[in-house]
Amino acid sequence: MPPAITPTLHPAQAARLRAAGHWPDRLVLERLDRWAEETPDRLAIVGNSSLTGQRSALTYAELARRVDRIAFNLARRGIERNDVVSYQSPNWWEFVALHFALLRIGAISNPMMPIFRAHELRFMLGLAESKLFIVPRAFRGFDYPPMAAALRPDLPALKQILVVDGAGAEAFESLWRTEVDPAAARALFAARRPASDEVVQILYTSGTTGEPKGVLHTPNTLLAALLPYAERFGLGQRDVVLMASPLAHQTGFLYGLMMPTWLGATLVLQDVWDPQRALDLIQAEGVTFTMGATPFLADLATAAETRPTDAASLRTFLSAGAPIPRALVRRASEALGANIISAWGMTENGAVTTTKPGDPPEKTFETDGCPIRGMEVRVVDAEGMLLPPGAEGRLQTRGATNFVGYLKRPEWYAMDADGWFETGDLARIDADGYVRITGRLKDVIIRGGENIPVVEIEGLLYRHPAVREAAVVAMPDPRLGERACAFLTLREGAGLGFTELTRFLEAQGLARSYWPERLEVLPELPKTPSGKIQKNELRSLARTLPPPGADAARS
């Protein structure tokens, strides 16, 4: 059995959180088992696969049975307690069942976005020392198995690859179609049950370090994030949750994969975002709650303006991932007839602040909400001194949902002895405790809720033989919030156009959604006296540029 990944826990903080009742010391599997026994015929998951074009519906009894078979057969294949299993899956029922199965046998879930390609995967799989990698046969026109096979020679820990909708020995379907002995399964699951403070999830996030960071969570930190969230919005067993945000994001994982199962509610999955299709699902399945980044809200509001009755069942749309433009909140409220909730959070801690149903307009439209139960926020100055209400400063957060470390990078765990975590964001907090995010200290771009790893992209740009200097900054976008703009200086006599730049990044194996969407070539980049590139000046320049388009990217 491999050694456990050790969480970074301050004993005094852990004791305080338990004493306050914020850490439940339970597993979501307890609720899956409960609903499979008490409400076996209730719909657990409605899946919609763009690959097959089919709707799949699983009751709680069917989901539990498949989870148990997957878990037991993974153990048969040599997956041990504390092994890391990585999976690159769209929003399909297999994603949900796989996490629960890994939890059953004490293995660690490492979900990965379907957009990742060889460049990102080689590093992530290697850092996690993943023993098994699971991929779809195809998704959105991309063939995953050849990519996965090509990675194996560089990854000595990777022993197996399985393929969803695959064939032969590598078919994922064999896991849930192969029956198991119930008594043997129960004994195995009892012996493998993880403790509530053990690491059960590794989720990569981008930042300023130049490499993805593996965020570590336990059952306690994950449940502490979703329980007060569900309470705040009055969610329960009768709710139907639509999740189009990727399950491989913390948003989708916590509030799509875990929350409906905990509540005994129904999860409706959408694997490729299309606002008209989302409205179809809301109408057909009676969706009451959904959550997504700002572009999802903008698109759905636009679609609903011509189909207002089709969103009648929807009570709440919660938007997070980037600040929501005030005008959009107002427009979406009218078009959808639902509560529009603003929220702020991170992979490291889930949704920390949200507005509340019934909040006055100045809170709903002008803030990112107040902390959920079990979490605290504060704003401090450059020296760490607490600032008064309304003053802008560094946003810190503390409490039950905070993660327990970065995989193999303890030096990046920016949490002090009192448990305050440096978020890297700038914010103001009003006298009522409501937060408004005003900017970011960290040099990362948020494109439609997806973090763009700036340092990593700049490192690739510097590899191009024509590039002398490179800087990537955000430029505003009305739909996605931000897009990436690359500012370059070139070597003497060299030339580089936008098309050539994107072809180069594609050849480097960089995910397409990370490519800069505008190129500006300058004689010199602005610098400080010490020679540091002044990105604040480049951001100001980017705000004056026309939006990216076929004729907007130029050199």
Protein backbone atom coordinates (compact mmCIF):
# COMPACT_ATOMS: atom_id res chain seq x y z
CA MET A 1 0.00 0.00 0.00
CA PRO A 2 1.45 3.42 -0.95
CA PRO A 3 2.04 5.96 1.82
CA ALA A 4 -0.82 8.34 2.52
CA ILE A 5 -0.62 11.90 1.26
CA THR A 6 -0.23 13.81 4.49
CA PRO A 7 -2.58 16.77 4.99
CA THR A 8 -1.30 19.93 6.63
CA LEU A 9 -3.57 20.37 9.63
CA HIS A 10 -3.13 22.63 12.64
CA PRO A 11 -4.39 20.50 15.58
CA ALA A 12 -5.82 23.46 17.46
CA GLN A 13 -7.78 24.62 14.42
CA ALA A 14 -9.06 21.11 13.74
CA ALA A 15 -10.23 20.80 17.34
CA ARG A 16 -11.96 24.18 17.17
CA LEU A 17 -13.80 23.32 13.94
CA ARG A 18 -14.99 20.00 15.34
CA ALA A 19 -16.13 21.56 18.59
CA ALA A 20 -18.14 24.13 16.64
CA GLY A 21 -19.80 21.41 14.58
CA HIS A 22 -18.35 22.59 11.28
CA TRP A 23 -16.54 19.33 10.55
CA PRO A 24 -19.15 16.54 10.43
CA ASP A 25 -16.68 13.58 10.38
CA ARG A 26 -18.84 11.78 7.83
CA LEU A 27 -18.67 10.55 4.23
CA VAL A 28 -21.09 11.36 1.44
CA LEU A 29 -21.30 7.59 0.84
CA GLU A 30 -23.45 7.31 3.97
CA ARG A 31 -26.14 9.32 2.21
CA LEU A 32 -25.83 7.32 -1.02
CA ASP A 33 -26.41 4.12 0.96
CA ARG A 34 -29.31 5.70 2.83
CA TRP A 35 -31.13 6.83 -0.28
CA ALA A 36 -30.49 3.52 -2.06
CA GLU A 37 -32.33 1.83 0.83
CA GLU A 38 -35.04 4.40 1.64
CA THR A 39 -35.81 5.81 -1.83
CA PRO A 40 -34.36 3.24 -4.26
CA ASP A 41 -36.51 4.35 -7.19
CA ARG A 42 -35.82 8.08 -6.88
CA LEU A 43 -33.81 9.49 -9.77
CA ALA A 44 -30.22 10.14 -8.75
CA ILE A 45 -28.65 11.17 -12.07
CA VAL A 46 -29.95 12.14 -15.48
CA GLY A 47 -27.07 12.07 -17.92
CA ASN A 48 -26.98 13.51 -21.42
CA SER A 49 -24.07 12.36 -23.57
CA SER A 50 -23.10 14.40 -26.64
CA LEU A 51 -21.01 11.39 -27.73
CA THR A 52 -23.94 8.96 -27.97
CA GLY A 53 -26.81 11.44 -28.08
CA GLN A 54 -28.57 9.39 -25.41
CA ARG A 55 -30.24 10.25 -22.11
CA SER A 56 -29.31 7.93 -19.27
CA ALA A 57 -31.24 7.87 -16.00
CA LEU A 58 -30.02 6.13 -12.86
CA THR A 59 -32.04 5.64 -9.70
CA TYR A 60 -30.31 5.70 -6.33
CA ALA A 61 -30.43 1.90 -6.19
CA GLU A 62 -28.86 1.62 -9.64
CA LEU A 63 -26.18 4.20 -8.87
CA ALA A 64 -25.22 2.48 -5.61
CA ARG A 65 -25.01 -0.89 -7.35
CA ARG A 66 -22.74 0.47 -10.07
CA VAL A 67 -20.57 2.29 -7.52
CA ASP A 68 -20.05 -0.94 -5.57
CA ARG A 69 -19.14 -2.91 -8.69
CA ILE A 70 -16.70 -0.27 -9.92
CA ALA A 71 -15.07 -0.06 -6.50
CA PHE A 72 -14.67 -3.80 -6.01
CA ASN A 73 -13.40 -4.40 -9.53
CA LEU A 74 -10.91 -1.54 -9.26
CA ALA A 75 -9.54 -3.26 -6.16
CA ARG A 76 -9.33 -6.47 -8.15
CA ARG A 77 -7.26 -4.60 -10.70
CA GLY A 78 -4.77 -3.61 -8.03
CA ILE A 79 -5.97 -0.17 -6.92
CA GLU A 80 -5.02 0.08 -3.27
CA ARG A 81 -5.76 2.42 -0.43
CA ASN A 82 -4.12 5.87 -0.99
CA ASP A 83 -3.50 5.18 -4.70
CA VAL A 84 -4.20 8.20 -6.91
CA VAL A 85 -6.61 7.58 -9.79
CA SER A 86 -6.78 10.35 -12.39
CA TYR A 87 -9.72 10.67 -14.74
CA GLN A 88 -10.40 13.04 -17.59
CA SER A 89 -14.12 12.85 -18.02
CA PRO A 90 -16.88 15.12 -19.30
CA ASN A 91 -20.05 15.59 -17.26
CA TRP A 92 -21.17 11.97 -17.55
CA TRP A 93 -22.63 9.68 -14.90
CA GLU A 94 -19.38 7.69 -14.93
CA PHE A 95 -17.57 10.68 -13.36
CA VAL A 96 -19.94 10.68 -10.38
CA ALA A 97 -19.88 6.93 -9.88
CA LEU A 98 -16.09 6.81 -10.17
CA HIS A 99 -15.48 9.26 -7.33
CA PHE A 100 -17.85 7.41 -5.03
CA ALA A 101 -16.20 4.12 -5.98
CA LEU A 102 -12.74 5.45 -5.18
CA LEU A 103 -14.03 6.72 -1.86
CA ARG A 104 -15.38 3.22 -1.15
CA ILE A 105 -11.89 1.70 -1.38
CA GLY A 106 -9.87 4.54 0.15
CA ALA A 107 -8.27 5.67 -3.11
CA ILE A 108 -7.77 9.34 -4.04
CA SER A 109 -9.75 11.08 -6.77
CA ASN A 110 -7.82 13.29 -9.18
CA PRO A 111 -10.34 14.72 -11.69
CA MET A 112 -8.93 16.54 -14.71
CA MET A 113 -10.54 18.89 -17.18
CA PRO A 114 -11.30 17.33 -20.59
CA ILE A 115 -9.55 20.28 -22.28
CA PHE A 116 -6.14 19.25 -20.92
CA ARG A 117 -3.67 17.82 -23.39
CA ALA A 118 -0.27 16.15 -23.22
CA HIS A 119 1.59 19.25 -21.99
CA GLU A 120 -0.55 19.64 -18.88
CA LEU A 121 -1.27 15.95 -18.28
CA ARG A 122 2.34 14.82 -18.30
CA PHE A 123 3.12 17.11 -15.39
CA MET A 124 -0.09 16.48 -13.44
CA LEU A 125 -0.03 12.70 -13.72
CA GLY A 126 3.65 12.66 -12.85
CA LEU A 127 3.33 14.87 -9.78
CA ALA A 128 0.42 12.81 -8.45
CA GLU A 129 2.15 9.51 -9.33
CA SER A 130 -1.20 8.37 -10.70
CA LYS A 131 -1.57 4.60 -10.88
CA LEU A 132 -4.62 4.57 -13.18
CA PHE A 133 -5.74 7.06 -15.83
CA ILE A 134 -9.30 6.94 -17.19
CA VAL A 135 -10.26 8.80 -20.37
CA PRO A 136 -13.26 8.92 -22.71
CA ARG A 137 -13.02 7.25 -26.09
CA ALA A 138 -13.80 10.61 -27.66
CA PHE A 139 -15.25 13.97 -26.71
CA ARG A 140 -15.82 17.06 -28.82
CA GLY A 141 -13.97 15.51 -31.75
CA PHE A 142 -10.80 14.61 -29.83
CA ASP A 143 -9.44 11.05 -29.62
CA TYR A 144 -8.15 10.51 -26.05
CA PRO A 145 -6.76 6.94 -25.95
CA PRO A 146 -3.78 7.60 -28.29
CA MET A 147 -2.80 10.63 -26.21
CA ALA A 148 -3.02 8.63 -22.99
CA ALA A 149 -0.98 5.78 -24.46
CA ALA A 150 1.73 8.19 -25.66
CA LEU A 151 2.13 9.51 -22.10
CA ARG A 152 2.85 6.14 -20.49
CA PRO A 153 6.59 5.90 -21.28
CA ASP A 154 7.16 9.14 -19.33
CA LEU A 155 5.12 8.03 -16.30
CA PRO A 156 6.57 5.03 -14.48
CA ALA A 157 3.85 5.04 -11.79
CA LEU A 158 1.06 4.77 -14.38
CA LYS A 159 0.16 1.08 -14.56
CA GLN A 160 -3.21 1.09 -16.32
CA ILE A 161 -5.38 3.09 -18.70
CA LEU A 162 -9.14 2.55 -18.99
CA VAL A 163 -11.43 4.02 -21.62
CA VAL A 164 -15.07 5.03 -21.16
CA ASP A 165 -17.02 3.60 -24.10
CA GLY A 166 -13.89 1.59 -24.84
CA ALA A 167 -13.38 -2.00 -25.94
CA GLY A 168 -11.59 -5.09 -24.69
CA ALA A 169 -9.45 -5.17 -21.56
CA GLU A 170 -9.30 -1.37 -21.35
CA ALA A 171 -13.08 -0.84 -21.35
CA PHE A 172 -14.26 1.06 -18.30
CA GLU A 173 -17.68 -0.56 -18.74
CA SER A 174 -16.29 -3.90 -17.58
CA LEU A 175 -16.00 -2.45 -14.07
CA TRP A 176 -19.71 -1.90 -13.56
CA ARG A 177 -21.00 -4.73 -15.72
CA THR A 178 -19.06 -7.40 -13.81
CA GLU A 179 -21.01 -8.68 -10.82
CA VAL A 180 -19.38 -8.95 -7.40
CA ASP A 181 -19.97 -10.96 -4.25
CA PRO A 182 -21.89 -8.66 -1.85
CA ALA A 183 -20.35 -10.09 1.33
CA ALA A 184 -16.81 -9.80 -0.02
CA ALA A 185 -17.53 -6.25 -1.18
CA ARG A 186 -18.88 -5.19 2.22
CA ALA A 187 -15.83 -6.57 3.98
CA LEU A 188 -13.46 -4.83 1.59
CA PHE A 189 -15.26 -1.50 1.85
CA ALA A 190 -15.26 -1.63 5.66
CA ALA A 191 -11.52 -2.26 5.70
CA ARG A 192 -10.80 0.48 3.17
CA ARG A 193 -13.07 3.23 4.54
CA PRO A 194 -11.09 6.50 4.65
CA ALA A 195 -10.98 8.65 7.75
CA SER A 196 -12.64 12.04 7.58
CA ASP A 197 -9.28 13.85 7.78
CA GLU A 198 -7.55 11.83 5.07
CA VAL A 199 -6.93 13.30 1.63
CA VAL A 200 -9.57 12.04 -0.82
CA GLN A 201 -9.36 14.66 -3.58
CA ILE A 202 -6.54 16.27 -5.57
CA LEU A 203 -7.74 19.05 -7.83
CA TYR A 204 -5.30 21.06 -9.89
CA THR A 205 -5.56 24.82 -10.09
CA SER A 206 -3.43 27.39 -11.88
CA GLY A 207 -1.63 30.24 -10.21
CA THR A 208 1.51 32.32 -10.35
CA THR A 209 4.00 29.55 -9.63
CA GLY A 210 4.55 28.48 -13.24
CA GLU A 211 3.05 25.03 -12.64
CA PRO A 212 -0.40 23.72 -11.69
CA LYS A 213 -0.98 23.32 -7.95
CA GLY A 214 -2.53 20.12 -6.60
CA VAL A 215 -5.08 21.26 -4.02
CA LEU A 216 -5.74 18.67 -1.30
CA HIS A 217 -9.14 18.17 0.32
CA THR A 218 -10.59 15.79 2.89
CA PRO A 219 -14.17 14.57 3.47
CA ASN A 220 -14.45 17.15 6.24
CA THR A 221 -13.35 20.15 4.17
CA LEU A 222 -15.56 19.13 1.25
CA LEU A 223 -18.69 18.52 3.32
CA ALA A 224 -18.07 21.71 5.29
CA ALA A 225 -18.27 23.57 1.98
CA LEU A 226 -21.54 22.08 0.76
CA LEU A 227 -23.68 21.65 3.90
CA PRO A 228 -24.05 25.35 4.87
CA TYR A 229 -24.34 26.20 1.16
CA ALA A 230 -27.37 23.92 0.79
CA GLU A 231 -28.83 25.30 4.01
CA ARG A 232 -28.46 28.91 2.87
CA PHE A 233 -30.52 28.25 -0.27
CA GLY A 234 -33.04 25.90 1.30
CA LEU A 235 -32.09 22.99 -0.94
CA GLY A 236 -33.45 19.53 -0.20
CA GLN A 237 -34.58 16.18 -1.53
CA ARG A 238 -37.19 17.63 -3.86
CA ASP A 239 -34.68 19.75 -5.76
CA VAL A 240 -33.36 19.06 -9.24
CA VAL A 241 -29.85 20.41 -9.85
CA LEU A 242 -28.58 21.14 -13.35
CA MET A 243 -24.79 21.06 -13.64
CA ALA A 244 -23.23 22.25 -16.87
CA SER A 245 -20.11 23.60 -15.15
CA PRO A 246 -17.41 20.90 -15.43
CA LEU A 247 -17.45 18.33 -12.65
CA ALA A 248 -13.65 18.58 -12.73
CA HIS A 249 -13.98 22.12 -11.36
CA GLN A 250 -14.61 22.48 -7.65
CA THR A 251 -17.93 24.12 -8.54
CA GLY A 252 -19.17 21.07 -10.38
CA PHE A 253 -17.57 18.60 -7.99
CA LEU A 254 -18.98 20.06 -4.77
CA TYR A 255 -22.36 21.31 -5.88
CA GLY A 256 -23.05 18.94 -8.76
CA LEU A 257 -21.43 15.64 -7.86
CA MET A 258 -21.60 15.70 -4.05
CA MET A 259 -24.46 17.98 -2.99
CA PRO A 260 -27.42 16.32 -4.77
CA THR A 261 -26.36 12.90 -3.45
CA TRP A 262 -26.06 14.23 0.09
CA LEU A 263 -29.52 15.76 -0.16
CA GLY A 264 -31.13 12.82 -1.96
CA ALA A 265 -31.97 15.18 -4.81
CA THR A 266 -31.66 14.64 -8.57
CA LEU A 267 -28.62 15.70 -10.61
CA VAL A 268 -29.07 16.59 -14.29
CA LEU A 269 -25.82 16.67 -16.25
CA GLN A 270 -24.98 18.64 -19.39
CA ASP A 271 -21.63 17.81 -20.96
CA VAL A 272 -21.41 20.51 -23.66
CA TRP A 273 -22.73 23.96 -22.88
CA ASP A 274 -25.54 25.18 -25.08
CA PRO A 275 -28.04 27.63 -23.56
CA GLN A 276 -30.95 26.42 -25.68
CA ARG A 277 -30.25 22.84 -24.65
CA ALA A 278 -29.97 23.99 -21.03
CA LEU A 279 -33.44 25.51 -21.27
CA ASP A 280 -34.72 22.26 -22.76
CA LEU A 281 -33.35 20.37 -19.76
CA ILE A 282 -34.71 22.89 -17.25
CA GLN A 283 -38.16 22.54 -18.75
CA ALA A 284 -38.10 18.77 -19.26
CA GLU A 285 -36.53 17.77 -15.94
CA GLY A 286 -38.05 20.45 -13.71
CA VAL A 287 -34.70 21.95 -12.73
CA THR A 288 -34.87 24.16 -9.64
CA PHE A 289 -31.22 25.11 -9.07
CA THR A 290 -28.13 25.61 -11.18
CA MET A 291 -24.70 27.15 -10.86
CA GLY A 292 -22.09 28.35 -13.32
CA ALA A 293 -19.65 31.07 -14.26
CA THR A 294 -20.73 34.43 -15.65
CA PRO A 295 -20.86 33.34 -19.34
CA PHE A 296 -23.35 30.58 -18.47
CA LEU A 297 -25.62 33.14 -16.80
CA ALA A 298 -25.33 35.59 -19.70
CA ASP A 299 -26.09 32.93 -22.30
CA LEU A 300 -29.02 31.45 -20.40
CA ALA A 301 -30.55 34.87 -19.78
CA THR A 302 -30.33 35.69 -23.49
CA ALA A 303 -31.97 32.39 -24.42
CA ALA A 304 -34.71 32.83 -21.84
CA GLU A 305 -35.68 36.23 -23.21
CA THR A 306 -37.34 34.45 -26.13
CA ARG A 307 -38.48 31.40 -24.10
CA PRO A 308 -39.54 32.84 -20.72
CA THR A 309 -41.95 30.07 -19.68
CA ASP A 310 -39.39 27.30 -20.17
CA ALA A 311 -37.44 28.44 -17.09
CA ALA A 312 -40.51 28.50 -14.84
CA SER A 313 -39.24 25.77 -12.49
CA LEU A 314 -35.87 27.46 -11.91
CA ARG A 315 -35.68 29.15 -8.49
CA THR A 316 -31.98 29.95 -8.19
CA PHE A 317 -28.98 30.57 -10.43
CA LEU A 318 -25.73 30.98 -8.52
CA SER A 319 -22.87 32.54 -10.46
CA ALA A 320 -19.24 32.42 -9.36
CA GLY A 321 -15.77 32.23 -10.87
CA ALA A 322 -15.53 35.92 -11.76
CA PRO A 323 -17.33 39.08 -10.64
CA ILE A 324 -20.78 39.37 -12.24
CA PRO A 325 -21.47 42.64 -14.04
CA ARG A 326 -24.27 44.43 -12.20
CA ALA A 327 -26.28 44.94 -15.39
CA LEU A 328 -26.21 41.20 -16.07
CA VAL A 329 -27.63 40.37 -12.63
CA ARG A 330 -30.54 42.70 -13.27
CA ARG A 331 -31.15 41.38 -16.80
CA ALA A 332 -30.92 37.74 -15.75
CA SER A 333 -33.28 38.27 -12.82
CA GLU A 334 -35.93 39.57 -15.21
CA ALA A 335 -35.36 37.01 -17.98
CA LEU A 336 -35.21 33.90 -15.80
CA GLY A 337 -37.58 34.93 -13.03
CA ALA A 338 -35.16 33.37 -10.57
CA ASN A 339 -32.98 34.48 -7.69
CA ILE A 340 -29.58 35.43 -9.07
CA ILE A 341 -26.94 34.75 -6.44
CA SER A 342 -23.41 36.11 -6.57
CA ALA A 343 -20.63 34.11 -4.96
CA TRP A 344 -16.89 34.10 -4.47
CA GLY A 345 -14.65 31.14 -3.77
CA MET A 346 -11.64 29.14 -4.89
CA THR A 347 -10.59 25.57 -5.60
CA GLU A 348 -8.91 25.78 -2.20
CA ASN A 349 -12.14 26.38 -0.27
CA GLY A 350 -15.29 26.15 -2.40
CA ALA A 351 -17.83 28.96 -2.20
CA VAL A 352 -16.78 31.13 0.74
CA THR A 353 -19.21 34.03 0.32
CA THR A 354 -22.60 34.29 -1.37
CA THR A 355 -25.45 36.71 -1.43
CA LYS A 356 -28.70 35.43 0.06
CA PRO A 357 -32.19 35.04 -1.35
CA GLY A 358 -34.10 38.12 -0.27
CA ASP A 359 -31.05 40.36 0.03
CA PRO A 360 -31.75 43.99 -0.88
CA PRO A 361 -30.71 45.05 -4.41
CA GLU A 362 -27.60 46.90 -3.25
CA LYS A 363 -26.25 43.62 -1.82
CA THR A 364 -27.40 41.37 -4.65
CA PHE A 365 -26.18 43.65 -7.43
CA GLU A 366 -23.13 45.24 -5.83
CA THR A 367 -21.39 42.58 -3.71
CA ASP A 368 -20.10 39.01 -3.80
CA GLY A 369 -21.96 38.10 -0.64
CA CYS A 370 -21.18 37.32 2.97
CA PRO A 371 -19.48 34.22 4.42
CA ILE A 372 -21.26 30.91 4.71
CA ARG A 373 -21.46 29.24 8.11
CA GLY A 374 -18.05 28.08 9.27
CA MET A 375 -16.06 30.64 7.26
CA GLU A 376 -14.62 34.06 8.05
CA VAL A 377 -13.14 36.75 5.81
CA ARG A 378 -11.08 39.83 6.52
CA VAL A 379 -9.15 42.50 4.62
CA VAL A 380 -5.64 43.48 5.69
CA ASP A 381 -3.01 45.92 4.49
CA ALA A 382 0.45 45.12 3.13
CA GLU A 383 1.75 44.63 6.69
CA GLY A 384 -1.10 42.31 7.68
CA MET A 385 -2.97 44.88 9.78
CA LEU A 386 -6.76 44.67 9.79
CA LEU A 387 -8.45 47.37 7.70
CA PRO A 388 -11.74 49.13 8.50
CA PRO A 389 -14.98 48.55 6.56
CA GLY A 390 -14.86 49.88 3.01
CA ALA A 391 -11.06 49.92 2.71
CA GLU A 392 -9.43 47.93 -0.07
CA GLY A 393 -6.79 45.39 0.88
CA ARG A 394 -5.65 41.78 0.73
CA LEU A 395 -8.50 39.33 1.20
CA GLN A 396 -7.92 36.50 3.67
CA THR A 397 -10.26 33.69 4.67
CA ARG A 398 -10.34 31.19 7.52
CA GLY A 399 -12.52 28.28 8.45
CA ALA A 400 -13.86 24.81 7.89
CA THR A 401 -13.69 24.60 4.10
CA ASN A 402 -10.06 25.62 3.68
CA PHE A 403 -7.96 22.98 1.96
CA VAL A 404 -5.22 21.02 3.75
CA GLY A 405 -2.20 21.69 1.56
CA TYR A 406 -0.71 21.57 -1.94
CA LEU A 407 0.54 18.25 -3.27
CA LYS A 408 4.30 17.95 -2.64
CA ARG A 409 4.58 21.74 -2.32
CA PRO A 410 4.20 22.56 1.40
CA GLU A 411 6.07 25.84 0.93
CA TRP A 412 3.12 27.20 -1.06
CA TYR A 413 0.62 26.65 1.74
CA ALA A 414 -0.02 30.33 2.45
CA MET A 415 -1.80 29.96 5.77
CA ASP A 416 -0.62 31.47 9.04
CA ALA A 417 -0.65 29.89 12.48
CA ASP A 418 -4.12 31.32 13.16
CA GLY A 419 -5.53 29.65 10.04
CA TRP A 420 -5.85 32.71 7.79
CA PHE A 421 -5.34 31.87 4.11
CA GLU A 422 -3.98 34.43 1.65
CA THR A 423 -6.38 34.32 -1.30
CA GLY A 424 -4.34 36.57 -3.59
CA ASP A 425 -7.42 38.73 -4.20
CA LEU A 426 -8.05 42.38 -3.40
CA ALA A 427 -11.40 43.24 -1.83
CA ARG A 428 -13.49 45.55 0.28
CA ILE A 429 -15.79 44.40 3.09
CA ASP A 430 -18.69 46.64 4.06
CA ALA A 431 -20.05 47.25 7.53
CA ASP A 432 -22.52 44.34 7.12
CA GLY A 433 -19.75 41.86 6.28
CA TYR A 434 -20.45 41.70 2.53
CA VAL A 435 -17.41 41.33 0.27
CA ARG A 436 -16.72 42.93 -3.10
CA ILE A 437 -13.76 41.56 -5.05
CA THR A 438 -11.90 44.50 -6.59
CA GLY A 439 -8.87 42.89 -8.19
CA ARG A 440 -6.16 40.29 -7.88
CA LEU A 441 -2.68 40.29 -6.52
CA LYS A 442 -1.88 37.05 -8.28
CA ASP A 443 -1.09 37.22 -11.95
CA VAL A 444 -3.79 34.93 -13.26
CA ILE A 445 -6.51 35.49 -15.85
CA ILE A 446 -10.04 34.17 -15.32
CA ARG A 447 -11.62 33.39 -18.69
CA GLY A 448 -15.23 32.35 -18.23
CA GLY A 449 -14.48 30.99 -14.76
CA GLU A 450 -11.39 29.07 -15.94
CA ASN A 451 -8.02 30.12 -14.54
CA ILE A 452 -5.43 30.75 -17.24
CA PRO A 453 -1.88 29.86 -16.06
CA VAL A 454 -0.05 33.01 -17.13
CA VAL A 455 3.48 32.04 -16.10
CA GLU A 456 3.22 28.68 -17.85
CA ILE A 457 2.07 30.30 -21.10
CA GLU A 458 4.78 32.92 -20.95
CA GLY A 459 7.33 30.15 -20.49
CA LEU A 460 6.13 28.50 -23.69
CA LEU A 461 6.18 31.80 -25.58
CA TYR A 462 9.79 32.32 -24.62
CA ARG A 463 10.57 29.03 -26.36
CA HIS A 464 9.66 30.48 -29.75
CA PRO A 465 12.86 31.45 -31.59
CA ALA A 466 11.43 34.83 -32.62
CA VAL A 467 10.44 35.93 -29.11
CA ARG A 468 12.68 38.19 -27.04
CA GLU A 469 10.30 39.11 -24.24
CA ALA A 470 6.76 38.02 -23.42
CA ALA A 471 4.01 39.07 -21.05
CA VAL A 472 0.43 37.81 -20.93
CA VAL A 473 -2.25 39.95 -19.30
CA ALA A 474 -6.01 40.12 -19.10
CA MET A 475 -8.10 42.17 -21.45
CA PRO A 476 -11.77 42.72 -20.59
CA ASP A 477 -14.48 40.79 -22.42
CA PRO A 478 -18.23 41.39 -22.04
CA ARG A 479 -19.13 37.69 -22.13
CA LEU A 480 -16.19 35.77 -20.66
CA GLY A 481 -15.07 38.45 -18.22
CA GLU A 482 -11.47 38.31 -19.41
CA ARG A 483 -9.40 37.02 -22.30
CA ALA A 484 -5.65 36.65 -22.60
CA CYS A 485 -3.58 39.16 -24.56
CA ALA A 486 0.07 38.41 -25.34
CA PHE A 487 2.48 41.33 -25.54
CA LEU A 488 5.80 40.42 -27.20
CA THR A 489 9.04 41.97 -28.30
CA LEU A 490 10.87 40.10 -31.04
CA ARG A 491 14.47 39.33 -31.82
CA GLU A 492 16.12 41.56 -34.40
CA GLY A 493 14.93 40.77 -37.90
CA ALA A 494 12.29 38.28 -36.72
CA GLY A 495 8.59 38.34 -37.42
CA LEU A 496 5.70 36.56 -35.74
CA GLY A 497 2.00 36.68 -36.56
CA PHE A 498 -1.02 35.53 -34.58
CA THR A 499 -1.67 32.42 -36.68
CA GLU A 500 1.93 31.27 -36.39
CA LEU A 501 1.82 31.88 -32.64
CA THR A 502 -1.25 29.69 -32.13
CA ARG A 503 0.20 26.93 -34.29
CA PHE A 504 3.32 26.99 -32.12
CA LEU A 505 1.29 26.69 -28.91
CA GLU A 506 -0.74 23.85 -30.40
CA ALA A 507 2.50 22.05 -31.26
CA GLN A 508 3.60 22.50 -27.64
CA GLY A 509 0.48 20.62 -26.52
CA LEU A 510 -1.11 23.58 -24.72
CA ALA A 511 -4.89 23.40 -24.22
CA ARG A 512 -6.66 25.61 -26.74
CA SER A 513 -8.59 27.54 -24.10
CA TYR A 514 -5.23 28.73 -22.70
CA TRP A 515 -4.04 30.27 -25.96
CA PRO A 516 -3.82 34.07 -26.01
CA GLU A 517 -6.62 35.51 -28.10
CA ARG A 518 -4.80 38.63 -29.10
CA LEU A 519 -1.18 39.38 -30.01
CA GLU A 520 0.47 42.77 -29.71
CA VAL A 521 4.10 43.20 -30.77
CA LEU A 522 5.83 46.21 -29.21
CA PRO A 523 9.33 47.66 -29.68
CA GLU A 524 9.86 47.44 -25.91
CA LEU A 525 7.81 46.30 -22.92
CA PRO A 526 7.38 48.84 -20.11
CA LYS A 527 9.66 48.10 -17.16
CA THR A 528 10.47 49.29 -13.68
CA PRO A 529 13.95 50.66 -12.92
CA SER A 530 14.89 47.17 -11.71
CA GLY A 531 13.95 45.68 -15.07
CA LYS A 532 10.65 44.06 -14.05
CA ILE A 533 7.93 44.18 -16.71
CA GLN A 534 5.18 46.56 -15.65
CA LYS A 535 2.10 44.49 -16.23
CA ASN A 536 -0.15 47.17 -14.79
CA GLU A 537 0.73 49.36 -17.79
CA LEU A 538 0.09 46.48 -20.18
CA ARG A 539 -3.28 45.83 -18.59
CA SER A 540 -4.18 49.47 -19.04
CA LEU A 541 -3.15 49.23 -22.69
CA ALA A 542 -5.14 46.00 -23.15
CA ARG A 543 -8.28 47.75 -21.91
CA THR A 544 -8.04 50.18 -24.84
CA LEU A 545 -7.78 47.49 -27.53
CA PRO A 546 -10.74 46.30 -29.62
CA PRO A 547 -12.12 42.86 -28.68
CA PRO A 548 -10.44 39.79 -30.18
CA GLY A 549 -11.69 38.71 -33.57
CA ALA A 550 -10.58 37.55 -36.95
CA ASP A 551 -9.06 40.92 -37.75
CA ALA A 552 -8.31 42.10 -34.21
CA ALA A 553 -5.33 39.91 -33.42
CA ARG A 554 -2.40 41.59 -35.03
CA SER A 555 1.33 42.00 -34.89
